[in-house]
Amino acid sequence: MKVIGITGGAGAGKSTILKAVSKVNGSIVIEADVLAKELMKPDGRAYGKLYECFKFDGIFSDDGAIDNQKLAGIVFSDKEKLAALNDIVHPAVRSEIVERIAQARSDGGGHLFF
């Protein structure tokens, strides 16, 4: 199995490429942005640390979900909070991608793109 990482800045076409290769039989696609949002949900692996870091910032709804607009307003106006967010979410995303690659290899999957 080949593992292929697609990188680039915002608007570079990463999602377009991943959408195209997802149609190739046997391909597995992981979108890091989508994965990050999953990991930030109340049952996600990054949630606990996010809660500890941002519990006094008013970003959590009654059901525990993170209000992404409020979070963005905080982290894009506070470099320390942005660094804290990145220090929590990026390692969780990396770990999840590594685990999914290992699982795909174990399952005998085709090409994996992320």
N, C-alpha and C. Protein backbone atom coordinates (compact mmCIF):
# COMPACT_ATOMS: atom_id res chain seq x y z
N MET A 1 0.84 -1.18 0.00
CA MET A 1 0.00 0.00 0.00
C MET A 1 0.89 1.24 0.00
N LYS A 2 0.53 2.19 -0.85
CA LYS A 2 1.22 3.47 -0.88
C LYS A 2 0.45 4.48 -0.05
N VAL A 3 1.18 5.28 0.70
CA VAL A 3 0.59 6.37 1.48
C VAL A 3 1.08 7.66 0.87
N ILE A 4 0.15 8.52 0.48
CA ILE A 4 0.49 9.74 -0.24
C ILE A 4 -0.11 10.92 0.50
N GLY A 5 0.73 11.85 0.93
CA GLY A 5 0.27 13.05 1.60
C GLY A 5 0.14 14.19 0.61
N ILE A 6 -0.97 14.89 0.67
CA ILE A 6 -1.23 16.05 -0.19
C ILE A 6 -1.12 17.28 0.69
N THR A 7 -0.21 18.18 0.36
CA THR A 7 -0.03 19.38 1.17
C THR A 7 -0.19 20.63 0.33
N GLY A 8 -0.38 21.73 1.00
CA GLY A 8 -0.49 23.02 0.33
C GLY A 8 -1.26 23.99 1.20
N GLY A 9 -1.18 25.23 0.85
CA GLY A 9 -1.85 26.27 1.60
C GLY A 9 -3.35 26.28 1.34
N ALA A 10 -4.02 27.18 2.03
CA ALA A 10 -5.46 27.33 1.86
C ALA A 10 -5.77 27.68 0.40
N GLY A 11 -6.75 26.99 -0.16
CA GLY A 11 -7.15 27.26 -1.54
C GLY A 11 -6.25 26.64 -2.59
N ALA A 12 -5.34 25.77 -2.19
CA ALA A 12 -4.40 25.15 -3.13
C ALA A 12 -5.02 24.02 -3.94
N GLY A 13 -6.16 23.50 -3.49
CA GLY A 13 -6.82 22.43 -4.22
C GLY A 13 -6.69 21.05 -3.59
N LYS A 14 -6.25 21.00 -2.34
CA LYS A 14 -6.09 19.70 -1.67
C LYS A 14 -7.40 18.92 -1.64
N SER A 15 -8.47 19.57 -1.25
CA SER A 15 -9.77 18.88 -1.16
C SER A 15 -10.24 18.42 -2.52
N THR A 16 -9.98 19.20 -3.54
CA THR A 16 -10.37 18.82 -4.90
C THR A 16 -9.63 17.56 -5.33
N ILE A 17 -8.35 17.51 -5.05
CA ILE A 17 -7.55 16.33 -5.40
C ILE A 17 -8.05 15.12 -4.61
N LEU A 18 -8.27 15.30 -3.32
CA LEU A 18 -8.72 14.18 -2.49
C LEU A 18 -10.09 13.68 -2.94
N LYS A 19 -10.96 14.58 -3.35
CA LYS A 19 -12.27 14.17 -3.86
C LYS A 19 -12.12 13.33 -5.12
N ALA A 20 -11.20 13.74 -5.99
CA ALA A 20 -10.99 13.00 -7.24
C ALA A 20 -10.41 11.61 -6.96
N VAL A 21 -9.40 11.52 -6.09
CA VAL A 21 -8.78 10.21 -5.85
C VAL A 21 -9.68 9.30 -5.02
N SER A 22 -10.65 9.88 -4.31
CA SER A 22 -11.55 9.04 -3.52
C SER A 22 -12.42 8.17 -4.42
N LYS A 23 -12.54 8.56 -5.69
CA LYS A 23 -13.36 7.81 -6.63
C LYS A 23 -12.60 6.63 -7.25
N VAL A 24 -11.29 6.57 -7.02
CA VAL A 24 -10.48 5.48 -7.55
C VAL A 24 -10.69 4.26 -6.66
N ASN A 25 -11.04 3.16 -7.26
CA ASN A 25 -11.36 1.94 -6.53
C ASN A 25 -10.21 1.54 -5.61
N GLY A 26 -10.52 1.30 -4.34
CA GLY A 26 -9.53 0.86 -3.38
C GLY A 26 -8.79 1.98 -2.67
N SER A 27 -9.05 3.22 -3.04
CA SER A 27 -8.37 4.34 -2.40
C SER A 27 -9.04 4.68 -1.07
N ILE A 28 -8.22 5.08 -0.14
CA ILE A 28 -8.68 5.53 1.17
C ILE A 28 -8.25 6.98 1.31
N VAL A 29 -9.16 7.84 1.74
CA VAL A 29 -8.86 9.27 1.86
C VAL A 29 -9.11 9.71 3.30
N ILE A 30 -8.16 10.46 3.83
CA ILE A 30 -8.30 11.07 5.15
C ILE A 30 -8.08 12.57 4.96
N GLU A 31 -9.08 13.37 5.28
CA GLU A 31 -8.93 14.82 5.22
C GLU A 31 -8.62 15.31 6.63
N ALA A 32 -7.45 15.88 6.82
CA ALA A 32 -7.01 16.29 8.14
C ALA A 32 -7.96 17.31 8.77
N ASP A 33 -8.50 18.23 7.99
CA ASP A 33 -9.43 19.23 8.55
C ASP A 33 -10.70 18.57 9.07
N VAL A 34 -11.22 17.63 8.31
CA VAL A 34 -12.42 16.91 8.73
C VAL A 34 -12.12 16.08 9.97
N LEU A 35 -10.97 15.42 9.95
CA LEU A 35 -10.55 14.60 11.08
C LEU A 35 -10.39 15.45 12.34
N ALA A 36 -9.80 16.63 12.20
CA ALA A 36 -9.62 17.51 13.36
C ALA A 36 -10.97 17.86 13.98
N LYS A 37 -11.95 18.14 13.15
CA LYS A 37 -13.29 18.47 13.67
C LYS A 37 -13.90 17.28 14.40
N GLU A 38 -13.67 16.07 13.89
CA GLU A 38 -14.16 14.87 14.56
C GLU A 38 -13.52 14.71 15.94
N LEU A 39 -12.21 14.96 15.99
CA LEU A 39 -11.46 14.76 17.23
C LEU A 39 -11.79 15.81 18.28
N MET A 40 -12.40 16.93 17.84
CA MET A 40 -12.77 18.01 18.76
C MET A 40 -14.19 17.85 19.29
N LYS A 41 -14.92 16.85 18.82
CA LYS A 41 -16.27 16.59 19.33
C LYS A 41 -16.17 16.02 20.74
N PRO A 42 -17.27 16.09 21.51
CA PRO A 42 -17.22 15.61 22.89
C PRO A 42 -16.69 14.19 23.08
N ASP A 43 -16.84 13.32 22.10
CA ASP A 43 -16.30 11.97 22.24
C ASP A 43 -14.95 11.80 21.53
N GLY A 44 -14.35 12.89 21.08
CA GLY A 44 -13.09 12.84 20.35
C GLY A 44 -11.87 12.88 21.26
N ARG A 45 -10.76 12.42 20.75
CA ARG A 45 -9.55 12.29 21.57
C ARG A 45 -8.95 13.62 21.99
N ALA A 46 -9.26 14.73 21.32
CA ALA A 46 -8.70 16.03 21.70
C ALA A 46 -9.62 16.80 22.64
N TYR A 47 -10.84 16.36 22.79
CA TYR A 47 -11.85 17.14 23.51
C TYR A 47 -11.48 17.44 24.96
N GLY A 48 -11.03 16.45 25.69
CA GLY A 48 -10.72 16.64 27.11
C GLY A 48 -9.70 17.74 27.34
N LYS A 49 -8.65 17.71 26.56
CA LYS A 49 -7.61 18.75 26.69
C LYS A 49 -8.14 20.11 26.25
N LEU A 50 -8.97 20.12 25.22
CA LEU A 50 -9.57 21.38 24.77
C LEU A 50 -10.47 21.94 25.87
N TYR A 51 -11.23 21.08 26.50
CA TYR A 51 -12.11 21.53 27.58
C TYR A 51 -11.28 22.15 28.70
N GLU A 52 -10.22 21.48 29.10
CA GLU A 52 -9.38 22.01 30.17
C GLU A 52 -8.77 23.36 29.80
N CYS A 53 -8.39 23.52 28.57
CA CYS A 53 -7.74 24.75 28.12
C CYS A 53 -8.72 25.90 27.94
N PHE A 54 -9.92 25.60 27.45
CA PHE A 54 -10.86 26.66 27.04
C PHE A 54 -12.15 26.70 27.87
N LYS A 55 -12.19 26.00 29.00
CA LYS A 55 -13.45 25.88 29.75
C LYS A 55 -14.01 27.21 30.25
N PHE A 56 -13.19 28.22 30.38
CA PHE A 56 -13.66 29.51 30.87
C PHE A 56 -13.85 30.53 29.75
N ASP A 57 -13.76 30.09 28.51
CA ASP A 57 -13.83 31.00 27.38
C ASP A 57 -15.20 31.05 26.71
N GLY A 58 -16.16 30.29 27.22
CA GLY A 58 -17.52 30.34 26.69
C GLY A 58 -17.71 29.74 25.31
N ILE A 59 -16.91 28.74 24.97
CA ILE A 59 -17.02 28.14 23.63
C ILE A 59 -17.84 26.85 23.62
N PHE A 60 -18.23 26.37 24.81
CA PHE A 60 -18.95 25.10 24.90
C PHE A 60 -20.44 25.33 25.05
N SER A 61 -21.23 24.63 24.23
CA SER A 61 -22.68 24.72 24.32
C SER A 61 -23.18 23.83 25.46
N ASP A 62 -24.46 23.87 25.72
CA ASP A 62 -25.05 23.07 26.79
C ASP A 62 -24.82 21.57 26.60
N ASP A 63 -24.77 21.13 25.33
CA ASP A 63 -24.54 19.70 25.07
C ASP A 63 -23.06 19.35 24.99
N GLY A 64 -22.19 20.34 25.25
CA GLY A 64 -20.75 20.10 25.27
C GLY A 64 -20.05 20.37 23.96
N ALA A 65 -20.80 20.57 22.89
CA ALA A 65 -20.17 20.81 21.59
C ALA A 65 -19.42 22.15 21.61
N ILE A 66 -18.39 22.22 20.82
CA ILE A 66 -17.59 23.44 20.71
C ILE A 66 -18.21 24.34 19.65
N ASP A 67 -18.39 25.59 20.00
CA ASP A 67 -18.86 26.59 19.04
C ASP A 67 -17.62 27.07 18.27
N ASN A 68 -17.47 26.59 17.04
CA ASN A 68 -16.27 26.88 16.28
C ASN A 68 -16.09 28.36 15.96
N GLN A 69 -17.19 29.09 15.81
CA GLN A 69 -17.07 30.54 15.55
C GLN A 69 -16.51 31.26 16.78
N LYS A 70 -16.99 30.89 17.95
CA LYS A 70 -16.46 31.50 19.18
C LYS A 70 -14.99 31.13 19.37
N LEU A 71 -14.68 29.86 19.12
CA LEU A 71 -13.29 29.42 19.25
C LEU A 71 -12.39 30.19 18.29
N ALA A 72 -12.83 30.34 17.05
CA ALA A 72 -12.04 31.09 16.07
C ALA A 72 -11.84 32.54 16.52
N GLY A 73 -12.89 33.15 17.04
CA GLY A 73 -12.77 34.52 17.51
C GLY A 73 -11.74 34.67 18.61
N ILE A 74 -11.62 33.65 19.45
CA ILE A 74 -10.64 33.68 20.54
C ILE A 74 -9.23 33.44 20.01
N VAL A 75 -9.05 32.35 19.26
CA VAL A 75 -7.68 31.97 18.89
C VAL A 75 -7.07 32.89 17.83
N PHE A 76 -7.90 33.53 17.01
CA PHE A 76 -7.33 34.42 16.01
C PHE A 76 -7.07 35.82 16.54
N SER A 77 -7.41 36.04 17.82
CA SER A 77 -7.07 37.31 18.44
C SER A 77 -6.09 37.13 19.60
N ASP A 78 -5.67 35.89 19.84
CA ASP A 78 -4.77 35.59 20.97
C ASP A 78 -3.78 34.51 20.53
N LYS A 79 -2.54 34.93 20.27
CA LYS A 79 -1.53 33.99 19.76
C LYS A 79 -1.26 32.84 20.72
N GLU A 80 -1.33 33.09 22.01
CA GLU A 80 -1.10 32.02 22.98
C GLU A 80 -2.22 30.98 22.94
N LYS A 81 -3.46 31.44 22.79
CA LYS A 81 -4.58 30.51 22.70
C LYS A 81 -4.52 29.71 21.39
N LEU A 82 -4.09 30.36 20.30
CA LEU A 82 -3.93 29.65 19.03
C LEU A 82 -2.86 28.58 19.16
N ALA A 83 -1.75 28.92 19.80
CA ALA A 83 -0.68 27.94 20.00
C ALA A 83 -1.18 26.77 20.86
N ALA A 84 -1.97 27.08 21.89
CA ALA A 84 -2.50 26.02 22.75
C ALA A 84 -3.43 25.10 21.95
N LEU A 85 -4.30 25.70 21.14
CA LEU A 85 -5.19 24.90 20.28
C LEU A 85 -4.38 23.98 19.37
N ASN A 86 -3.40 24.54 18.70
CA ASN A 86 -2.56 23.75 17.80
C ASN A 86 -1.80 22.66 18.54
N ASP A 87 -1.32 22.96 19.75
CA ASP A 87 -0.58 21.98 20.54
C ASP A 87 -1.45 20.81 20.99
N ILE A 88 -2.76 21.03 21.01
CA ILE A 88 -3.69 19.96 21.38
C ILE A 88 -4.15 19.19 20.15
N VAL A 89 -4.59 19.92 19.14
CA VAL A 89 -5.25 19.28 17.99
C VAL A 89 -4.26 18.62 17.04
N HIS A 90 -3.16 19.27 16.73
CA HIS A 90 -2.23 18.70 15.75
C HIS A 90 -1.67 17.34 16.16
N PRO A 91 -1.20 17.15 17.39
CA PRO A 91 -0.73 15.81 17.77
C PRO A 91 -1.84 14.76 17.72
N ALA A 92 -3.06 15.15 18.08
CA ALA A 92 -4.19 14.20 18.03
C ALA A 92 -4.47 13.78 16.59
N VAL A 93 -4.41 14.74 15.67
CA VAL A 93 -4.63 14.43 14.25
C VAL A 93 -3.52 13.51 13.74
N ARG A 94 -2.27 13.85 14.06
CA ARG A 94 -1.16 13.00 13.62
C ARG A 94 -1.32 11.56 14.14
N SER A 95 -1.63 11.44 15.42
CA SER A 95 -1.80 10.09 16.00
C SER A 95 -2.92 9.31 15.32
N GLU A 96 -4.02 9.99 15.07
CA GLU A 96 -5.16 9.33 14.42
C GLU A 96 -4.81 8.91 13.00
N ILE A 97 -4.10 9.75 12.27
CA ILE A 97 -3.69 9.39 10.91
C ILE A 97 -2.77 8.19 10.93
N VAL A 98 -1.81 8.18 11.85
CA VAL A 98 -0.89 7.04 11.96
C VAL A 98 -1.66 5.76 12.26
N GLU A 99 -2.64 5.84 13.17
CA GLU A 99 -3.45 4.67 13.49
C GLU A 99 -4.27 4.20 12.30
N ARG A 100 -4.83 5.14 11.55
CA ARG A 100 -5.65 4.77 10.39
C ARG A 100 -4.78 4.18 9.28
N ILE A 101 -3.58 4.68 9.12
CA ILE A 101 -2.66 4.09 8.13
C ILE A 101 -2.33 2.66 8.53
N ALA A 102 -2.02 2.44 9.80
CA ALA A 102 -1.71 1.09 10.28
C ALA A 102 -2.89 0.15 10.06
N GLN A 103 -4.10 0.64 10.34
CA GLN A 103 -5.30 -0.19 10.15
C GLN A 103 -5.50 -0.51 8.68
N ALA A 104 -5.32 0.50 7.81
CA ALA A 104 -5.49 0.27 6.37
C ALA A 104 -4.48 -0.74 5.86
N ARG A 105 -3.25 -0.66 6.34
CA ARG A 105 -2.23 -1.64 5.95
C ARG A 105 -2.62 -3.03 6.42
N SER A 106 -3.11 -3.11 7.64
CA SER A 106 -3.53 -4.39 8.19
C SER A 106 -4.69 -4.98 7.40
N ASP A 107 -5.58 -4.10 6.94
CA ASP A 107 -6.75 -4.54 6.17
C ASP A 107 -6.41 -4.82 4.71
N GLY A 108 -5.19 -4.47 4.30
CA GLY A 108 -4.79 -4.70 2.92
C GLY A 108 -5.37 -3.69 1.95
N GLY A 109 -5.55 -2.46 2.42
CA GLY A 109 -6.14 -1.43 1.58
C GLY A 109 -5.25 -1.03 0.41
N GLY A 110 -5.84 -0.29 -0.52
CA GLY A 110 -5.11 0.20 -1.69
C GLY A 110 -4.25 1.38 -1.31
N HIS A 111 -4.35 2.45 -2.06
CA HIS A 111 -3.58 3.66 -1.77
C HIS A 111 -4.32 4.50 -0.75
N LEU A 112 -3.56 5.10 0.16
CA LEU A 112 -4.16 5.98 1.17
C LEU A 112 -3.64 7.38 0.93
N PHE A 113 -4.55 8.33 0.83
CA PHE A 113 -4.22 9.73 0.59
C PHE A 113 -4.68 10.55 1.79
N PHE A 114 -3.82 11.49 2.19
CA PHE A 114 -4.24 12.40 3.27
C PHE A 114 -3.63 13.75 3.04
